[in-house]
Amino acid sequence: MSEEKFEVEVEAPLYPTESKEAVIRAILNIVPAETEEIKTTGGNPPFLKLKKRGHEALTKIRRLLREERILDTARDMLISSLKRSGVMTLLLHKQAAYVGELRLCSSEDESPLGVIRVKFSFKGDTSLFLDWLAPKTVSGRVPKEVEIHELIGPETS
């Protein structure tokens, strides 16, 4: 039940000059999933899309935000993208994601082959979710990490 609180939607354009497998790899480098879960939509260009529920879908992005030391920038981008519905969006550089790096884009023009658009939904306290995913830092360090149980509540058997 608590896993329903989290949803992540990922989409990336697939241009004729790109390998579908390469774009799938870029997506899988940021969201844990099976290749079969990624769907192709029609259009010009077509898009590869993935929708996952549960906090596990955010583990790679959460880890990469810390490794790349871009928590404050990501937090600012998430806050500025926040919709009334509670959906927040990050734009990621597709080629960087392909090599396992997380590079944030402030516009779609920053990634020559299009961005990977990642939409986050959380049913609950948005500020607590932000503190879990991309907490504020002080002198480059996170003063206190929000634990997952603070978001989803205690495990019930």
N, C-alpha and C. Protein backbone atom coordinates (compact mmCIF):
# COMPACT_ATOMS: atom_id res chain seq x y z
N MET A 1 0.82 -1.19 0.00
CA MET A 1 0.00 0.00 0.00
C MET A 1 0.87 1.26 0.00
N SER A 2 1.88 1.30 0.86
CA SER A 2 2.71 2.49 0.95
C SER A 2 3.53 2.72 -0.33
N GLU A 3 3.78 1.64 -1.07
CA GLU A 3 4.54 1.78 -2.31
C GLU A 3 3.77 2.59 -3.34
N GLU A 4 2.45 2.65 -3.21
CA GLU A 4 1.63 3.42 -4.14
C GLU A 4 1.89 4.91 -4.01
N LYS A 5 2.56 5.33 -2.96
CA LYS A 5 2.85 6.75 -2.75
C LYS A 5 3.84 7.28 -3.78
N PHE A 6 4.69 6.41 -4.30
CA PHE A 6 5.77 6.80 -5.20
C PHE A 6 5.46 6.40 -6.63
N GLU A 7 5.69 7.31 -7.55
CA GLU A 7 5.61 6.96 -8.96
C GLU A 7 6.64 7.78 -9.72
N VAL A 8 7.30 7.13 -10.65
CA VAL A 8 8.25 7.83 -11.51
C VAL A 8 7.90 7.48 -12.95
N GLU A 9 7.85 8.50 -13.79
CA GLU A 9 7.62 8.32 -15.23
C GLU A 9 8.83 8.87 -15.95
N VAL A 10 9.36 8.08 -16.87
CA VAL A 10 10.54 8.47 -17.62
C VAL A 10 10.20 8.41 -19.09
N GLU A 11 10.62 9.44 -19.84
CA GLU A 11 10.43 9.40 -21.29
C GLU A 11 11.60 10.06 -21.98
N ALA A 12 11.96 9.49 -23.12
CA ALA A 12 13.07 10.02 -23.91
C ALA A 12 12.76 9.84 -25.39
N PRO A 13 13.07 10.86 -26.20
CA PRO A 13 12.86 10.71 -27.63
C PRO A 13 13.86 9.73 -28.23
N LEU A 14 13.45 9.05 -29.27
CA LEU A 14 14.32 8.12 -29.99
C LEU A 14 14.45 8.63 -31.42
N TYR A 15 15.58 9.25 -31.71
CA TYR A 15 15.80 9.82 -33.04
C TYR A 15 16.35 8.77 -33.99
N PRO A 16 16.15 8.95 -35.30
CA PRO A 16 16.60 7.97 -36.29
C PRO A 16 18.10 7.69 -36.24
N THR A 17 18.88 8.65 -35.76
CA THR A 17 20.34 8.47 -35.68
C THR A 17 20.77 7.69 -34.45
N GLU A 18 19.82 7.37 -33.57
CA GLU A 18 20.15 6.69 -32.31
C GLU A 18 19.77 5.22 -32.34
N SER A 19 20.50 4.46 -31.58
CA SER A 19 20.17 3.06 -31.37
C SER A 19 19.14 2.98 -30.24
N LYS A 20 18.09 2.20 -30.47
CA LYS A 20 17.07 2.02 -29.43
C LYS A 20 17.71 1.44 -28.18
N GLU A 21 18.63 0.50 -28.37
CA GLU A 21 19.29 -0.14 -27.23
C GLU A 21 20.09 0.87 -26.41
N ALA A 22 20.69 1.86 -27.07
CA ALA A 22 21.47 2.88 -26.35
C ALA A 22 20.56 3.76 -25.50
N VAL A 23 19.40 4.13 -26.03
CA VAL A 23 18.47 4.97 -25.27
C VAL A 23 17.89 4.16 -24.11
N ILE A 24 17.59 2.89 -24.34
CA ILE A 24 17.12 2.02 -23.26
C ILE A 24 18.18 1.93 -22.16
N ARG A 25 19.43 1.77 -22.56
CA ARG A 25 20.52 1.70 -21.57
C ARG A 25 20.58 2.99 -20.75
N ALA A 26 20.43 4.14 -21.41
CA ALA A 26 20.46 5.43 -20.69
C ALA A 26 19.35 5.48 -19.64
N ILE A 27 18.16 5.01 -20.01
CA ILE A 27 17.03 5.00 -19.07
C ILE A 27 17.31 4.04 -17.91
N LEU A 28 17.79 2.85 -18.24
CA LEU A 28 18.04 1.85 -17.20
C LEU A 28 19.20 2.24 -16.28
N ASN A 29 20.05 3.14 -16.74
CA ASN A 29 21.13 3.63 -15.88
C ASN A 29 20.63 4.59 -14.81
N ILE A 30 19.40 5.09 -14.96
CA ILE A 30 18.88 6.01 -13.96
C ILE A 30 17.67 5.46 -13.19
N VAL A 31 16.98 4.47 -13.77
CA VAL A 31 15.82 3.87 -13.10
C VAL A 31 15.94 2.36 -13.20
N PRO A 32 15.94 1.65 -12.07
CA PRO A 32 16.02 0.19 -12.13
C PRO A 32 14.73 -0.39 -12.71
N ALA A 33 14.87 -1.14 -13.79
CA ALA A 33 13.71 -1.74 -14.45
C ALA A 33 14.20 -2.85 -15.37
N GLU A 34 13.25 -3.56 -15.93
CA GLU A 34 13.55 -4.57 -16.94
C GLU A 34 13.34 -3.93 -18.30
N THR A 35 14.13 -4.32 -19.28
CA THR A 35 14.02 -3.78 -20.63
C THR A 35 12.59 -3.88 -21.15
N GLU A 36 11.91 -4.98 -20.83
CA GLU A 36 10.55 -5.22 -21.33
C GLU A 36 9.54 -4.21 -20.78
N GLU A 37 9.87 -3.54 -19.70
CA GLU A 37 8.96 -2.55 -19.10
C GLU A 37 8.96 -1.24 -19.88
N ILE A 38 9.94 -1.03 -20.73
CA ILE A 38 10.04 0.21 -21.49
C ILE A 38 9.22 0.07 -22.76
N LYS A 39 8.29 0.99 -22.94
CA LYS A 39 7.38 0.96 -24.09
C LYS A 39 7.78 2.02 -25.10
N THR A 40 7.49 1.74 -26.38
CA THR A 40 7.74 2.69 -27.45
C THR A 40 6.41 3.27 -27.90
N THR A 41 6.35 4.59 -27.98
CA THR A 41 5.13 5.25 -28.46
C THR A 41 5.32 5.68 -29.90
N GLY A 42 4.22 5.94 -30.57
CA GLY A 42 4.30 6.45 -31.93
C GLY A 42 4.72 7.90 -31.90
N GLY A 43 4.80 8.49 -33.05
CA GLY A 43 5.15 9.90 -33.11
C GLY A 43 6.41 10.12 -33.91
N ASN A 44 6.72 11.37 -34.12
CA ASN A 44 7.91 11.72 -34.87
C ASN A 44 8.66 12.79 -34.08
N PRO A 45 9.64 12.45 -33.28
CA PRO A 45 10.19 11.11 -33.11
C PRO A 45 9.35 10.28 -32.14
N PRO A 46 9.51 8.95 -32.20
CA PRO A 46 8.86 8.13 -31.17
C PRO A 46 9.56 8.36 -29.83
N PHE A 47 8.87 8.00 -28.76
CA PHE A 47 9.43 8.13 -27.41
C PHE A 47 9.50 6.76 -26.75
N LEU A 48 10.52 6.58 -25.94
CA LEU A 48 10.60 5.41 -25.06
C LEU A 48 10.10 5.87 -23.71
N LYS A 49 9.17 5.09 -23.13
CA LYS A 49 8.55 5.49 -21.86
C LYS A 49 8.60 4.35 -20.86
N LEU A 50 8.73 4.74 -19.61
CA LEU A 50 8.75 3.79 -18.50
C LEU A 50 7.99 4.41 -17.34
N LYS A 51 7.14 3.62 -16.72
CA LYS A 51 6.42 4.06 -15.52
C LYS A 51 6.63 3.00 -14.45
N LYS A 52 7.10 3.45 -13.28
CA LYS A 52 7.35 2.54 -12.16
C LYS A 52 6.75 3.11 -10.89
N ARG A 53 6.36 2.21 -9.99
CA ARG A 53 5.85 2.60 -8.67
C ARG A 53 6.76 2.03 -7.60
N GLY A 54 6.78 2.71 -6.48
CA GLY A 54 7.57 2.24 -5.35
C GLY A 54 8.87 3.02 -5.23
N HIS A 55 9.35 3.14 -4.00
CA HIS A 55 10.56 3.93 -3.77
C HIS A 55 11.80 3.31 -4.40
N GLU A 56 11.77 2.00 -4.67
CA GLU A 56 12.92 1.35 -5.30
C GLU A 56 13.20 1.94 -6.67
N ALA A 57 12.16 2.45 -7.34
CA ALA A 57 12.33 3.06 -8.66
C ALA A 57 13.19 4.32 -8.60
N LEU A 58 13.34 4.89 -7.41
CA LEU A 58 14.09 6.13 -7.25
C LEU A 58 15.49 5.91 -6.68
N THR A 59 15.85 4.67 -6.40
CA THR A 59 17.13 4.42 -5.72
C THR A 59 18.33 4.88 -6.53
N LYS A 60 18.33 4.62 -7.84
CA LYS A 60 19.49 5.02 -8.65
C LYS A 60 19.61 6.53 -8.74
N ILE A 61 18.51 7.19 -9.02
CA ILE A 61 18.55 8.65 -9.13
C ILE A 61 18.98 9.26 -7.80
N ARG A 62 18.43 8.76 -6.71
CA ARG A 62 18.78 9.28 -5.38
C ARG A 62 20.28 9.11 -5.12
N ARG A 63 20.81 7.95 -5.44
CA ARG A 63 22.24 7.69 -5.25
C ARG A 63 23.09 8.59 -6.15
N LEU A 64 22.70 8.70 -7.43
CA LEU A 64 23.47 9.51 -8.37
C LEU A 64 23.47 11.00 -8.01
N LEU A 65 22.36 11.49 -7.48
CA LEU A 65 22.32 12.90 -7.06
C LEU A 65 23.38 13.16 -5.99
N ARG A 66 23.59 12.20 -5.12
CA ARG A 66 24.59 12.34 -4.07
C ARG A 66 26.00 12.17 -4.63
N GLU A 67 26.19 11.15 -5.46
CA GLU A 67 27.52 10.90 -6.03
C GLU A 67 28.00 12.06 -6.89
N GLU A 68 27.09 12.63 -7.67
CA GLU A 68 27.45 13.74 -8.56
C GLU A 68 27.50 15.07 -7.81
N ARG A 69 27.07 15.07 -6.57
CA ARG A 69 27.09 16.27 -5.71
C ARG A 69 26.28 17.41 -6.32
N ILE A 70 25.05 17.06 -6.73
CA ILE A 70 24.17 18.05 -7.36
C ILE A 70 22.83 18.13 -6.63
N LEU A 71 22.84 17.86 -5.35
CA LEU A 71 21.60 17.85 -4.57
C LEU A 71 20.90 19.21 -4.56
N ASP A 72 21.64 20.28 -4.31
CA ASP A 72 21.01 21.60 -4.22
C ASP A 72 20.41 22.03 -5.55
N THR A 73 21.15 21.80 -6.63
CA THR A 73 20.64 22.16 -7.96
C THR A 73 19.41 21.34 -8.30
N ALA A 74 19.46 20.04 -8.03
CA ALA A 74 18.31 19.17 -8.30
C ALA A 74 17.11 19.61 -7.48
N ARG A 75 17.34 19.93 -6.22
CA ARG A 75 16.25 20.37 -5.35
C ARG A 75 15.61 21.64 -5.90
N ASP A 76 16.43 22.60 -6.29
CA ASP A 76 15.90 23.85 -6.86
C ASP A 76 15.09 23.58 -8.12
N MET A 77 15.58 22.68 -8.98
CA MET A 77 14.86 22.36 -10.22
C MET A 77 13.55 21.64 -9.92
N LEU A 78 13.56 20.75 -8.96
CA LEU A 78 12.34 20.04 -8.58
C LEU A 78 11.31 21.02 -8.03
N ILE A 79 11.74 21.91 -7.17
CA ILE A 79 10.81 22.89 -6.58
C ILE A 79 10.24 23.80 -7.66
N SER A 80 11.08 24.26 -8.58
CA SER A 80 10.58 25.17 -9.62
C SER A 80 9.66 24.47 -10.61
N SER A 81 9.76 23.14 -10.71
CA SER A 81 8.90 22.40 -11.64
C SER A 81 7.62 21.89 -10.98
N LEU A 82 7.50 22.07 -9.66
CA LEU A 82 6.37 21.50 -8.91
C LEU A 82 5.03 22.01 -9.42
N LYS A 83 4.15 21.08 -9.75
CA LYS A 83 2.80 21.39 -10.21
C LYS A 83 1.83 21.24 -9.04
N ARG A 84 0.64 21.81 -9.21
CA ARG A 84 -0.39 21.67 -8.16
C ARG A 84 -0.71 20.21 -7.87
N SER A 85 -0.58 19.37 -8.88
CA SER A 85 -0.88 17.95 -8.73
C SER A 85 0.18 17.23 -7.89
N GLY A 86 1.27 17.93 -7.57
CA GLY A 86 2.34 17.31 -6.79
C GLY A 86 3.42 16.68 -7.65
N VAL A 87 3.30 16.80 -8.97
CA VAL A 87 4.29 16.22 -9.89
C VAL A 87 5.47 17.18 -10.02
N MET A 88 6.68 16.61 -9.95
CA MET A 88 7.92 17.38 -10.12
C MET A 88 8.71 16.73 -11.25
N THR A 89 9.49 17.53 -11.96
CA THR A 89 10.20 17.02 -13.14
C THR A 89 11.66 17.42 -13.12
N LEU A 90 12.50 16.49 -13.55
CA LEU A 90 13.91 16.78 -13.83
C LEU A 90 14.17 16.45 -15.29
N LEU A 91 14.98 17.26 -15.94
CA LEU A 91 15.44 16.99 -17.30
C LEU A 91 16.89 16.53 -17.20
N LEU A 92 17.18 15.37 -17.79
CA LEU A 92 18.52 14.79 -17.71
C LEU A 92 19.15 14.69 -19.09
N HIS A 93 20.44 14.87 -19.14
CA HIS A 93 21.20 14.76 -20.38
C HIS A 93 21.25 13.29 -20.78
N LYS A 94 20.73 12.99 -21.96
CA LYS A 94 20.61 11.59 -22.39
C LYS A 94 21.97 10.91 -22.57
N GLN A 95 22.93 11.60 -23.18
CA GLN A 95 24.23 10.98 -23.42
C GLN A 95 24.99 10.75 -22.11
N ALA A 96 24.85 11.65 -21.15
CA ALA A 96 25.48 11.44 -19.84
C ALA A 96 24.86 10.23 -19.15
N ALA A 97 23.53 10.11 -19.23
CA ALA A 97 22.85 8.96 -18.62
C ALA A 97 23.32 7.66 -19.25
N TYR A 98 23.61 7.68 -20.53
CA TYR A 98 24.09 6.48 -21.23
C TYR A 98 25.37 5.94 -20.59
N VAL A 99 26.23 6.84 -20.11
CA VAL A 99 27.48 6.39 -19.47
C VAL A 99 27.36 6.32 -17.95
N GLY A 100 26.12 6.40 -17.45
CA GLY A 100 25.88 6.22 -16.02
C GLY A 100 26.05 7.47 -15.18
N GLU A 101 26.09 8.64 -15.82
CA GLU A 101 26.22 9.89 -15.08
C GLU A 101 24.90 10.63 -15.09
N LEU A 102 24.71 11.44 -14.09
CA LEU A 102 23.49 12.24 -13.98
C LEU A 102 23.87 13.70 -14.20
N ARG A 103 23.46 14.24 -15.34
CA ARG A 103 23.70 15.65 -15.63
C ARG A 103 22.36 16.33 -15.83
N LEU A 104 22.09 17.31 -15.02
CA LEU A 104 20.81 18.02 -15.08
C LEU A 104 20.83 19.03 -16.22
N CYS A 105 19.68 19.20 -16.85
CA CYS A 105 19.51 20.19 -17.91
C CYS A 105 18.43 21.16 -17.49
N SER A 106 18.67 22.45 -17.73
CA SER A 106 17.64 23.43 -17.40
C SER A 106 16.67 23.63 -18.56
N SER A 107 17.05 23.14 -19.75
CA SER A 107 16.14 23.19 -20.90
C SER A 107 16.44 22.00 -21.81
N GLU A 108 15.51 21.72 -22.70
CA GLU A 108 15.67 20.59 -23.61
C GLU A 108 16.81 20.81 -24.60
N ASP A 109 17.19 22.07 -24.82
CA ASP A 109 18.25 22.39 -25.78
C ASP A 109 19.64 21.97 -25.30
N GLU A 110 19.77 21.68 -24.03
CA GLU A 110 21.09 21.35 -23.47
C GLU A 110 21.56 19.95 -23.81
N SER A 111 20.69 19.12 -24.33
CA SER A 111 21.05 17.76 -24.71
C SER A 111 20.76 17.61 -26.21
N PRO A 112 21.80 17.52 -27.04
CA PRO A 112 21.61 17.53 -28.49
C PRO A 112 20.64 16.48 -29.02
N LEU A 113 20.56 15.34 -28.37
CA LEU A 113 19.66 14.28 -28.83
C LEU A 113 18.40 14.21 -27.97
N GLY A 114 18.08 15.30 -27.32
CA GLY A 114 16.89 15.34 -26.48
C GLY A 114 17.21 14.93 -25.05
N VAL A 115 16.37 15.37 -24.15
CA VAL A 115 16.56 15.06 -22.73
C VAL A 115 15.77 13.82 -22.34
N ILE A 116 16.16 13.26 -21.23
CA ILE A 116 15.33 12.26 -20.57
C ILE A 116 14.52 13.05 -19.55
N ARG A 117 13.21 12.99 -19.69
CA ARG A 117 12.30 13.70 -18.79
C ARG A 117 11.88 12.72 -17.70
N VAL A 118 12.14 13.08 -16.44
CA VAL A 118 11.79 12.22 -15.32
C VAL A 118 10.77 12.97 -14.46
N LYS A 119 9.57 12.39 -14.35
CA LYS A 119 8.50 13.00 -13.54
C LYS A 119 8.34 12.18 -12.27
N PHE A 120 8.33 12.87 -11.15
CA PHE A 120 8.18 12.24 -9.84
C PHE A 120 6.82 12.61 -9.26
N SER A 121 6.13 11.61 -8.73
CA SER A 121 4.87 11.85 -8.00
C SER A 121 5.00 11.20 -6.64
N PHE A 122 4.55 11.92 -5.62
CA PHE A 122 4.54 11.37 -4.27
C PHE A 122 3.26 11.81 -3.60
N LYS A 123 2.50 10.84 -3.12
CA LYS A 123 1.27 11.15 -2.40
C LYS A 123 1.61 11.29 -0.92
N GLY A 124 1.72 12.50 -0.49
CA GLY A 124 2.09 12.76 0.90
C GLY A 124 2.74 14.13 1.00
N ASP A 125 3.55 14.29 2.02
CA ASP A 125 4.23 15.55 2.31
C ASP A 125 5.34 15.79 1.28
N THR A 126 5.10 16.72 0.36
CA THR A 126 6.06 16.98 -0.71
C THR A 126 7.40 17.46 -0.17
N SER A 127 7.39 18.27 0.86
CA SER A 127 8.67 18.76 1.39
C SER A 127 9.47 17.63 2.02
N LEU A 128 8.80 16.68 2.65
CA LEU A 128 9.50 15.52 3.21
C LEU A 128 10.08 14.66 2.08
N PHE A 129 9.30 14.49 1.01
CA PHE A 129 9.79 13.75 -0.16
C PHE A 129 11.04 14.42 -0.73
N LEU A 130 11.00 15.74 -0.87
CA LEU A 130 12.17 16.47 -1.37
C LEU A 130 13.37 16.29 -0.45
N ASP A 131 13.12 16.32 0.86
CA ASP A 131 14.21 16.12 1.82
C ASP A 131 14.80 14.71 1.71
N TRP A 132 14.00 13.75 1.29
CA TRP A 132 14.50 12.38 1.10
C TRP A 132 15.27 12.26 -0.21
N LEU A 133 14.69 12.76 -1.30
CA LEU A 133 15.30 12.61 -2.62
C LEU A 133 16.49 13.55 -2.82
N ALA A 134 16.30 14.82 -2.55
CA ALA A 134 17.33 15.83 -2.80
C ALA A 134 17.35 16.83 -1.65
N PRO A 135 17.92 16.43 -0.52
CA PRO A 135 17.92 17.31 0.65
C PRO A 135 18.81 18.54 0.47
N LYS A 136 18.51 19.56 1.26
CA LYS A 136 19.36 20.75 1.31
C LYS A 136 20.71 20.32 1.88
N THR A 137 21.75 20.99 1.41
CA THR A 137 23.06 20.71 1.98
C THR A 137 23.59 21.95 2.70
N VAL A 138 24.52 21.70 3.59
CA VAL A 138 25.24 22.77 4.29
C VAL A 138 26.72 22.51 4.04
N SER A 139 27.37 23.45 3.39
CA SER A 139 28.79 23.29 3.03
C SER A 139 29.02 21.99 2.26
N GLY A 140 28.08 21.65 1.39
CA GLY A 140 28.23 20.47 0.55
C GLY A 140 27.88 19.15 1.21
N ARG A 141 27.39 19.18 2.43
CA ARG A 141 27.04 17.95 3.14
C ARG A 141 25.57 17.97 3.55
N VAL A 142 24.99 16.77 3.60
CA VAL A 142 23.60 16.63 4.06
C VAL A 142 23.63 16.53 5.58
N PRO A 143 23.04 17.51 6.29
CA PRO A 143 23.08 17.48 7.75
C PRO A 143 22.33 16.30 8.36
N LYS A 144 21.19 15.95 7.76
CA LYS A 144 20.41 14.82 8.27
C LYS A 144 19.65 14.18 7.12
N GLU A 145 19.91 12.90 6.90
CA GLU A 145 19.21 12.16 5.85
C GLU A 145 17.83 11.75 6.35
N VAL A 146 16.83 11.94 5.51
CA VAL A 146 15.48 11.43 5.80
C VAL A 146 15.49 9.95 5.41
N GLU A 147 15.05 9.10 6.32
CA GLU A 147 15.01 7.67 6.06
C GLU A 147 13.69 7.31 5.38
N ILE A 148 13.71 6.23 4.62
CA ILE A 148 12.52 5.84 3.85
C ILE A 148 11.32 5.58 4.75
N HIS A 149 11.53 5.03 5.93
CA HIS A 149 10.40 4.75 6.83
C HIS A 149 9.70 6.03 7.26
N GLU A 150 10.41 7.17 7.21
CA GLU A 150 9.77 8.45 7.54
C GLU A 150 8.77 8.86 6.46
N LEU A 151 8.98 8.37 5.25
CA LEU A 151 8.07 8.67 4.14
C LEU A 151 6.92 7.68 4.05
N ILE A 152 7.24 6.40 4.19
CA ILE A 152 6.21 5.38 3.96
C ILE A 152 5.63 4.81 5.23
N GLY A 153 6.19 5.19 6.37
CA GLY A 153 5.69 4.66 7.63
C GLY A 153 6.37 3.35 7.97
N PRO A 154 6.11 2.84 9.15
CA PRO A 154 6.75 1.58 9.57
C PRO A 154 6.24 0.41 8.74
N GLU A 155 7.11 -0.58 8.57
CA GLU A 155 6.74 -1.81 7.87
C GLU A 155 5.66 -2.53 8.66
N THR A 156 4.65 -3.02 7.96
CA THR A 156 3.61 -3.81 8.62
C THR A 156 3.60 -5.20 8.02
N SER A 157 3.37 -6.18 8.86
CA SER A 157 3.38 -7.57 8.40
C SER A 157 1.98 -8.06 8.18
